[in-house]
C-alpha cells in the first residue's frame, strides 16, 4: 500500500489529513501506520510511540528523561538500555544506519533528534519555520 499523502502536498515536518511527514517518513497516529517512501513498515507499540514522539519534535533535541516520561510513562529508568534497544529497532526498520544516521541522530550529552532534513539536502520550504509542524 502506498503512502496516503498526495505527492504535491508532501512537505517536510507537516501534517496532511492527520499524517505526520518528516523527510521521507510518514506516520499516521490514528491508524498507527508508518511508511518510508512508499513502503509500509510495521512497528511494535513502543517503537511506534518512540518514533512518533521524536517526529512530533523534529528538529529539536529530546532528552532521555523526556522520552522515559512521555513514551514509557515513568520518571525512573526501568533499564539503562531501554531507549537504546528500542532506538536500535526503530533505526533498523527505517534503514537508518546507526553509524551515520540520516533520520534520528544522537546529540551526545543531550538526547536524540529526528532530523528535519537529510544531510546535504536542501529545504523544500525555505520560507517556513523549520521547527514548526503545521496542520493542513
Protein backbone atom coordinates (compact mmCIF):
# COMPACT_ATOMS: atom_id res chain seq x y z
CA UNK A 1 0.00 0.00 0.00
CA UNK A 2 1.35 3.43 -0.83
CA UNK A 3 1.65 6.40 1.46
CA UNK A 4 -1.69 8.27 1.65
CA UNK A 5 -0.16 11.71 1.07
CA UNK A 6 -0.50 13.12 -2.47
CA UNK A 7 2.95 13.97 -3.86
CA UNK A 8 2.10 17.64 -4.45
CA UNK A 9 1.08 18.00 -0.79
CA UNK A 10 4.20 16.43 0.71
CA UNK A 11 6.28 18.90 2.73
CA UNK A 12 8.82 18.29 5.45
CA UNK A 13 7.50 18.36 9.00
CA UNK A 14 3.84 18.70 8.12
CA UNK A 15 0.55 17.02 8.86
CA UNK A 16 -1.75 16.16 5.95
CA UNK A 17 -5.10 14.67 6.95
CA UNK A 18 -3.61 13.61 10.28
CA UNK A 19 -0.47 12.02 8.81
CA UNK A 20 2.83 13.47 10.06
CA UNK A 21 5.56 13.65 7.41
CA UNK A 22 9.24 14.41 8.09
CA UNK A 23 11.87 13.71 5.43
CA UNK A 24 10.60 10.56 3.66
CA UNK A 25 8.93 9.07 6.75
CA UNK A 26 5.16 9.33 7.25
CA UNK A 27 3.32 8.38 10.44
CA UNK A 28 -0.44 8.10 10.87
CA UNK A 29 -1.10 8.39 14.63
CA UNK A 30 -4.74 7.34 14.27
CA UNK A 31 -4.14 4.04 12.47
CA UNK A 32 -0.60 3.70 13.93
CA UNK A 33 0.87 3.03 10.48
CA UNK A 34 4.32 4.09 9.22
CA UNK A 35 5.75 4.49 5.72
CA UNK A 36 9.22 5.25 4.43
CA UNK A 37 8.98 6.46 0.85
CA UNK A 38 6.15 4.25 -0.46
CA UNK A 39 6.93 1.20 1.73
CA UNK A 40 4.83 0.48 4.81
CA UNK A 41 6.80 -0.60 7.89
CA UNK A 42 5.29 -2.42 10.88
CA UNK A 43 6.32 -1.22 14.35
CA UNK A 44 5.58 -2.52 17.84
CA UNK A 45 3.58 -0.25 20.15
CA UNK A 46 6.64 1.23 21.93
CA UNK A 47 8.65 1.54 18.71
CA UNK A 48 5.76 3.47 17.16
CA UNK A 49 5.38 5.69 20.25
CA UNK A 50 9.12 6.47 20.25
CA UNK A 51 9.19 7.28 16.53
CA UNK A 52 6.00 9.35 16.65
CA UNK A 53 7.20 11.42 19.63
CA UNK A 54 10.58 12.12 18.02
CA UNK A 55 8.88 13.09 14.74
CA UNK A 56 6.48 15.43 16.56
CA UNK A 57 9.54 17.23 17.93
CA UNK A 58 11.53 17.02 14.68
CA UNK A 59 14.47 19.41 14.63
CA UNK A 60 14.56 19.62 18.45
CA UNK A 61 16.69 17.63 20.86
CA UNK A 62 14.61 15.38 23.11
CA UNK A 63 16.23 14.28 26.36
CA UNK A 64 16.23 10.68 27.51
CA UNK A 65 14.36 11.75 30.66
CA UNK A 66 11.63 13.28 28.49
CA UNK A 67 11.42 10.09 26.41
CA UNK A 68 11.13 7.93 29.54
CA UNK A 69 8.38 10.17 30.88
CA UNK A 70 6.42 10.52 27.63
CA UNK A 71 6.93 7.20 25.84
CA UNK A 72 7.33 4.87 28.83
CA UNK A 73 5.14 6.92 31.25
CA UNK A 74 7.70 6.67 34.01
CA UNK A 75 10.02 9.04 35.84
CA UNK A 76 12.55 6.34 36.62
CA UNK A 77 14.77 4.29 34.36
CA UNK A 78 13.48 0.75 34.00
CA UNK A 79 16.79 -0.14 32.37
CA UNK A 80 19.73 1.90 31.24
CA UNK A 81 19.43 0.31 27.79
CA UNK A 82 15.64 0.59 27.28
CA UNK A 83 15.82 3.60 24.94
CA UNK A 84 18.95 2.32 23.15
CA UNK A 85 17.37 -1.06 22.40
CA UNK A 86 14.12 0.42 21.08
CA UNK A 87 16.00 3.09 19.14
CA UNK A 88 18.10 0.36 17.52
CA UNK A 89 14.97 -1.49 16.42
CA UNK A 90 13.41 1.73 15.03
CA UNK A 91 16.58 2.66 13.13
CA UNK A 92 16.92 -0.87 11.73
CA UNK A 93 13.32 -0.93 10.49
CA UNK A 94 13.69 2.51 8.92
CA UNK A 95 17.03 1.57 7.34
CA UNK A 96 18.79 4.38 9.21
CA UNK A 97 22.49 3.48 9.57
CA UNK A 98 23.34 3.89 13.28
CA UNK A 99 26.97 4.74 12.47
CA UNK A 100 25.89 7.62 10.18
CA UNK A 101 22.17 8.22 10.77
CA UNK A 102 20.17 10.49 8.47
CA UNK A 103 16.91 10.36 10.42
CA UNK A 104 17.48 10.02 14.17
CA UNK A 105 20.72 11.46 15.47
CA UNK A 106 22.25 11.33 18.93
CA UNK A 107 23.31 14.65 20.42
CA UNK A 108 25.87 13.42 22.92
CA UNK A 109 25.07 14.50 26.45
CA UNK A 110 21.69 15.96 25.48
CA UNK A 111 19.44 13.40 23.79
CA UNK A 112 18.02 12.44 20.41
CA UNK A 113 16.82 14.47 17.45
CA UNK A 114 14.72 13.48 14.44
CA UNK A 115 16.37 15.50 11.68
CA UNK A 116 14.14 17.75 9.59
CA UNK A 117 16.38 17.33 6.54
CA UNK A 118 18.75 14.62 5.39
CA UNK A 119 22.41 15.67 5.47
CA UNK A 120 23.29 17.54 2.29
CA UNK A 121 19.67 18.09 1.29
CA UNK A 122 18.09 21.46 0.62
CA UNK A 123 14.92 22.51 2.43
CA UNK A 124 11.90 22.43 0.11
CA UNK A 125 10.00 25.08 2.05
CA UNK A 126 12.63 27.72 2.87
CA UNK A 127 10.18 30.47 3.88
CA UNK A 128 8.71 28.47 6.76
CA UNK A 129 9.92 27.94 10.30
CA UNK A 130 11.85 24.64 10.07
CA UNK A 131 10.84 23.60 13.58
CA UNK A 132 7.14 24.23 13.01
CA UNK A 133 4.77 21.36 12.48
CA UNK A 134 1.70 22.73 10.79
CA UNK A 135 -1.74 21.27 10.19
CA UNK A 136 -3.07 21.34 6.66
